[in-house]
N, C-alpha and C. Protein backbone atom coordinates (compact mmCIF):
# COMPACT_ATOMS: atom_id res chain seq x y z
N MET A 1 0.85 -1.19 0.00
CA MET A 1 0.00 0.00 0.00
C MET A 1 0.88 1.23 0.00
N PHE A 2 0.63 2.13 -0.93
CA PHE A 2 1.42 3.34 -1.09
C PHE A 2 0.64 4.53 -0.54
N ILE A 3 1.27 5.26 0.36
CA ILE A 3 0.63 6.44 0.95
C ILE A 3 1.36 7.68 0.47
N PHE A 4 0.61 8.60 -0.11
CA PHE A 4 1.19 9.84 -0.60
C PHE A 4 0.99 10.93 0.45
N ILE A 5 2.07 11.53 0.88
CA ILE A 5 2.00 12.63 1.84
C ILE A 5 2.46 13.90 1.12
N GLU A 6 1.63 14.91 1.18
CA GLU A 6 1.98 16.16 0.52
C GLU A 6 3.20 16.77 1.18
N LYS A 7 4.04 17.40 0.36
CA LYS A 7 5.27 18.01 0.87
C LYS A 7 4.96 19.10 1.89
N ALA A 8 3.94 19.90 1.63
CA ALA A 8 3.60 20.99 2.54
C ALA A 8 3.15 20.44 3.89
N VAL A 9 2.36 19.39 3.88
CA VAL A 9 1.89 18.78 5.13
C VAL A 9 3.07 18.18 5.90
N LEU A 10 3.96 17.53 5.19
CA LEU A 10 5.14 16.95 5.83
C LEU A 10 6.01 18.04 6.44
N ALA A 11 6.21 19.13 5.72
CA ALA A 11 7.02 20.23 6.24
C ALA A 11 6.38 20.86 7.47
N MET A 12 5.06 21.04 7.43
CA MET A 12 4.35 21.59 8.59
C MET A 12 4.47 20.67 9.80
N ALA A 13 4.32 19.38 9.57
CA ALA A 13 4.41 18.41 10.66
C ALA A 13 5.82 18.37 11.24
N MET A 14 6.82 18.43 10.38
CA MET A 14 8.20 18.41 10.86
C MET A 14 8.53 19.66 11.67
N LEU A 15 7.99 20.80 11.28
CA LEU A 15 8.18 22.01 12.08
C LEU A 15 7.55 21.87 13.45
N ARG A 16 6.39 21.25 13.52
CA ARG A 16 5.73 21.02 14.82
C ARG A 16 6.51 20.02 15.67
N VAL A 17 7.10 19.01 15.04
CA VAL A 17 7.95 18.06 15.77
C VAL A 17 9.17 18.79 16.32
N LEU A 18 9.77 19.65 15.50
CA LEU A 18 10.91 20.45 15.96
C LEU A 18 10.52 21.34 17.13
N SER A 19 9.37 21.98 17.02
CA SER A 19 8.89 22.85 18.09
C SER A 19 8.67 22.06 19.38
N GLY A 20 8.06 20.89 19.27
CA GLY A 20 7.84 20.05 20.44
C GLY A 20 9.14 19.58 21.07
N SER A 21 10.11 19.27 20.22
CA SER A 21 11.42 18.84 20.73
C SER A 21 12.11 19.97 21.48
N ILE A 22 11.98 21.17 20.97
CA ILE A 22 12.57 22.33 21.65
C ILE A 22 11.89 22.53 23.00
N GLU A 23 10.58 22.36 23.06
CA GLU A 23 9.84 22.50 24.31
C GLU A 23 10.30 21.45 25.34
N ILE A 24 10.46 20.22 24.90
CA ILE A 24 10.91 19.16 25.80
C ILE A 24 12.33 19.44 26.29
N PHE A 25 13.20 19.88 25.39
CA PHE A 25 14.57 20.23 25.76
C PHE A 25 14.57 21.36 26.78
N ALA A 26 13.69 22.34 26.60
CA ALA A 26 13.60 23.45 27.55
C ALA A 26 13.17 22.94 28.93
N ALA A 27 12.24 22.00 28.96
CA ALA A 27 11.81 21.44 30.24
C ALA A 27 12.95 20.71 30.93
N VAL A 28 13.74 19.98 30.17
CA VAL A 28 14.89 19.27 30.73
C VAL A 28 15.90 20.28 31.29
N LEU A 29 16.13 21.37 30.55
CA LEU A 29 17.04 22.41 31.04
C LEU A 29 16.55 23.02 32.35
N MET A 30 15.25 23.26 32.43
CA MET A 30 14.69 23.82 33.67
C MET A 30 14.95 22.90 34.85
N ILE A 31 14.75 21.62 34.65
CA ILE A 31 14.98 20.65 35.72
C ILE A 31 16.47 20.58 36.06
N LYS A 32 17.32 20.61 35.03
CA LYS A 32 18.77 20.54 35.24
C LYS A 32 19.27 21.74 36.03
N PHE A 33 18.82 22.94 35.66
CA PHE A 33 19.28 24.16 36.34
C PHE A 33 18.74 24.25 37.76
N ASN A 34 17.54 23.76 37.99
CA ASN A 34 16.92 23.75 39.31
C ASN A 34 16.94 25.14 39.96
N SER A 35 16.64 26.15 39.17
CA SER A 35 16.62 27.53 39.66
C SER A 35 15.44 28.25 39.02
N ILE A 36 14.67 28.94 39.84
CA ILE A 36 13.50 29.65 39.32
C ILE A 36 13.92 30.72 38.32
N GLU A 37 14.99 31.44 38.64
CA GLU A 37 15.45 32.52 37.75
C GLU A 37 15.85 31.96 36.38
N LYS A 38 16.63 30.89 36.39
CA LYS A 38 17.07 30.30 35.12
C LYS A 38 15.90 29.67 34.37
N ALA A 39 14.97 29.09 35.10
CA ALA A 39 13.78 28.50 34.46
C ALA A 39 12.96 29.58 33.77
N LEU A 40 12.86 30.75 34.40
CA LEU A 40 12.14 31.85 33.77
C LEU A 40 12.85 32.34 32.51
N ILE A 41 14.17 32.34 32.53
CA ILE A 41 14.93 32.74 31.34
C ILE A 41 14.69 31.75 30.21
N VAL A 42 14.74 30.46 30.52
CA VAL A 42 14.48 29.42 29.51
C VAL A 42 13.06 29.56 28.98
N ASN A 43 12.11 29.76 29.88
CA ASN A 43 10.71 29.90 29.49
C ASN A 43 10.50 31.13 28.60
N SER A 44 11.17 32.21 28.93
CA SER A 44 11.06 33.43 28.11
C SER A 44 11.64 33.22 26.72
N SER A 45 12.68 32.43 26.65
CA SER A 45 13.28 32.12 25.34
C SER A 45 12.29 31.37 24.45
N LEU A 46 11.43 30.58 25.06
CA LEU A 46 10.43 29.84 24.28
C LEU A 46 9.39 30.77 23.66
N ALA A 47 9.27 31.98 24.20
CA ALA A 47 8.31 32.93 23.65
C ALA A 47 8.67 33.31 22.21
N LEU A 48 9.93 33.12 21.83
CA LEU A 48 10.34 33.39 20.45
C LEU A 48 10.03 32.22 19.53
N VAL A 49 10.11 31.02 20.07
CA VAL A 49 9.95 29.82 19.24
C VAL A 49 8.51 29.67 18.75
N GLY A 50 7.54 29.83 19.65
CA GLY A 50 6.14 29.61 19.30
C GLY A 50 5.64 30.45 18.13
N PRO A 51 5.80 31.78 18.19
CA PRO A 51 5.33 32.60 17.07
C PRO A 51 6.06 32.33 15.76
N VAL A 52 7.35 32.04 15.84
CA VAL A 52 8.11 31.75 14.61
C VAL A 52 7.58 30.48 13.96
N ILE A 53 7.34 29.45 14.75
CA ILE A 53 6.80 28.19 14.22
C ILE A 53 5.40 28.42 13.65
N LEU A 54 4.58 29.20 14.36
CA LEU A 54 3.23 29.51 13.88
C LEU A 54 3.27 30.20 12.52
N ILE A 55 4.12 31.19 12.39
CA ILE A 55 4.21 31.93 11.12
C ILE A 55 4.73 31.03 10.01
N LEU A 56 5.75 30.24 10.30
CA LEU A 56 6.31 29.36 9.27
C LEU A 56 5.31 28.29 8.82
N THR A 57 4.62 27.66 9.77
CA THR A 57 3.66 26.63 9.37
C THR A 57 2.48 27.23 8.61
N THR A 58 2.05 28.42 9.03
CA THR A 58 0.96 29.09 8.30
C THR A 58 1.40 29.44 6.89
N THR A 59 2.61 29.94 6.75
CA THR A 59 3.13 30.29 5.42
C THR A 59 3.19 29.06 4.53
N ILE A 60 3.74 27.98 5.04
CA ILE A 60 3.84 26.76 4.24
C ILE A 60 2.44 26.25 3.88
N GLY A 61 1.53 26.28 4.82
CA GLY A 61 0.17 25.81 4.56
C GLY A 61 -0.55 26.65 3.52
N VAL A 62 -0.43 27.96 3.63
CA VAL A 62 -1.09 28.85 2.66
C VAL A 62 -0.50 28.68 1.27
N LEU A 63 0.82 28.62 1.20
CA LEU A 63 1.46 28.45 -0.11
C LEU A 63 1.13 27.07 -0.70
N GLY A 64 1.10 26.05 0.13
CA GLY A 64 0.75 24.72 -0.35
C GLY A 64 -0.69 24.62 -0.80
N MET A 65 -1.57 25.30 -0.08
CA MET A 65 -2.99 25.27 -0.41
C MET A 65 -3.28 26.07 -1.68
N ALA A 66 -2.60 27.18 -1.82
CA ALA A 66 -2.87 28.07 -2.94
C ALA A 66 -2.32 27.53 -4.24
N GLY A 67 -1.15 26.95 -4.19
CA GLY A 67 -0.54 26.43 -5.41
C GLY A 67 -0.32 27.51 -6.45
N GLY A 68 -0.04 28.72 -6.01
CA GLY A 68 0.21 29.83 -6.93
C GLY A 68 -1.04 30.53 -7.39
N GLU A 69 -2.21 30.17 -6.85
CA GLU A 69 -3.47 30.77 -7.30
C GLU A 69 -4.05 31.76 -6.30
N LEU A 70 -3.30 32.13 -5.29
CA LEU A 70 -3.79 33.01 -4.24
C LEU A 70 -3.33 34.43 -4.51
N SER A 71 -4.25 35.37 -4.43
CA SER A 71 -3.88 36.76 -4.69
C SER A 71 -3.13 37.33 -3.50
N ILE A 72 -2.37 38.38 -3.75
CA ILE A 72 -1.59 39.02 -2.69
C ILE A 72 -2.50 39.61 -1.62
N VAL A 73 -3.69 40.06 -2.00
CA VAL A 73 -4.62 40.63 -1.03
C VAL A 73 -5.09 39.55 -0.05
N LYS A 74 -5.38 38.36 -0.54
CA LYS A 74 -5.80 37.27 0.34
C LYS A 74 -4.67 36.85 1.27
N ILE A 75 -3.46 36.81 0.75
CA ILE A 75 -2.31 36.48 1.59
C ILE A 75 -2.14 37.51 2.70
N LEU A 76 -2.30 38.78 2.36
CA LEU A 76 -2.19 39.83 3.38
C LEU A 76 -3.27 39.70 4.44
N TRP A 77 -4.48 39.35 4.04
CA TRP A 77 -5.56 39.15 5.01
C TRP A 77 -5.25 37.99 5.95
N ILE A 78 -4.71 36.93 5.40
CA ILE A 78 -4.36 35.77 6.23
C ILE A 78 -3.30 36.15 7.25
N PHE A 79 -2.25 36.85 6.81
CA PHE A 79 -1.19 37.21 7.73
C PHE A 79 -1.62 38.30 8.70
N LEU A 80 -2.58 39.12 8.31
CA LEU A 80 -3.15 40.07 9.25
C LEU A 80 -3.89 39.31 10.36
N GLY A 81 -4.59 38.25 9.99
CA GLY A 81 -5.26 37.42 10.98
C GLY A 81 -4.29 36.74 11.92
N VAL A 82 -3.18 36.23 11.38
CA VAL A 82 -2.15 35.61 12.23
C VAL A 82 -1.55 36.66 13.16
N SER A 83 -1.33 37.85 12.66
CA SER A 83 -0.79 38.93 13.47
C SER A 83 -1.75 39.27 14.62
N CYS A 84 -3.04 39.28 14.32
CA CYS A 84 -4.03 39.56 15.38
C CYS A 84 -3.99 38.47 16.46
N ILE A 85 -3.80 37.22 16.05
CA ILE A 85 -3.69 36.15 17.03
C ILE A 85 -2.48 36.38 17.92
N LEU A 86 -1.33 36.69 17.31
CA LEU A 86 -0.12 36.90 18.09
C LEU A 86 -0.26 38.10 19.03
N ILE A 87 -0.84 39.17 18.54
CA ILE A 87 -1.03 40.36 19.38
C ILE A 87 -1.98 40.04 20.54
N GLY A 88 -3.04 39.33 20.25
CA GLY A 88 -4.00 38.96 21.29
C GLY A 88 -3.40 38.07 22.37
N VAL A 89 -2.48 37.20 21.98
CA VAL A 89 -1.85 36.31 22.95
C VAL A 89 -0.80 37.05 23.78
N LYS A 90 -0.08 37.95 23.15
CA LYS A 90 1.03 38.61 23.83
C LYS A 90 0.58 39.76 24.74
N TRP A 91 -0.55 40.40 24.43
CA TRP A 91 -0.98 41.56 25.25
C TRP A 91 -2.09 41.22 26.13
């Protein structure tokens, strides 16, 4: 049985696996350091990883879905929506 996996879906999934691995590594570092101050520094560093992964997976998904047929206005609306999500989470 042959299973076809789209390249865009595979790339999105691999980015999520990378993100999860970074999260697990951060948890291990927190336990290793055994310090609240250092744990907060590690946790703050993760604040950069989440939005970057979100933007990258959204970009790959939109480009994969569009296949070159998406107008620039629609792309801007999508990224405006992602920006609103990030702003809403951070503030």
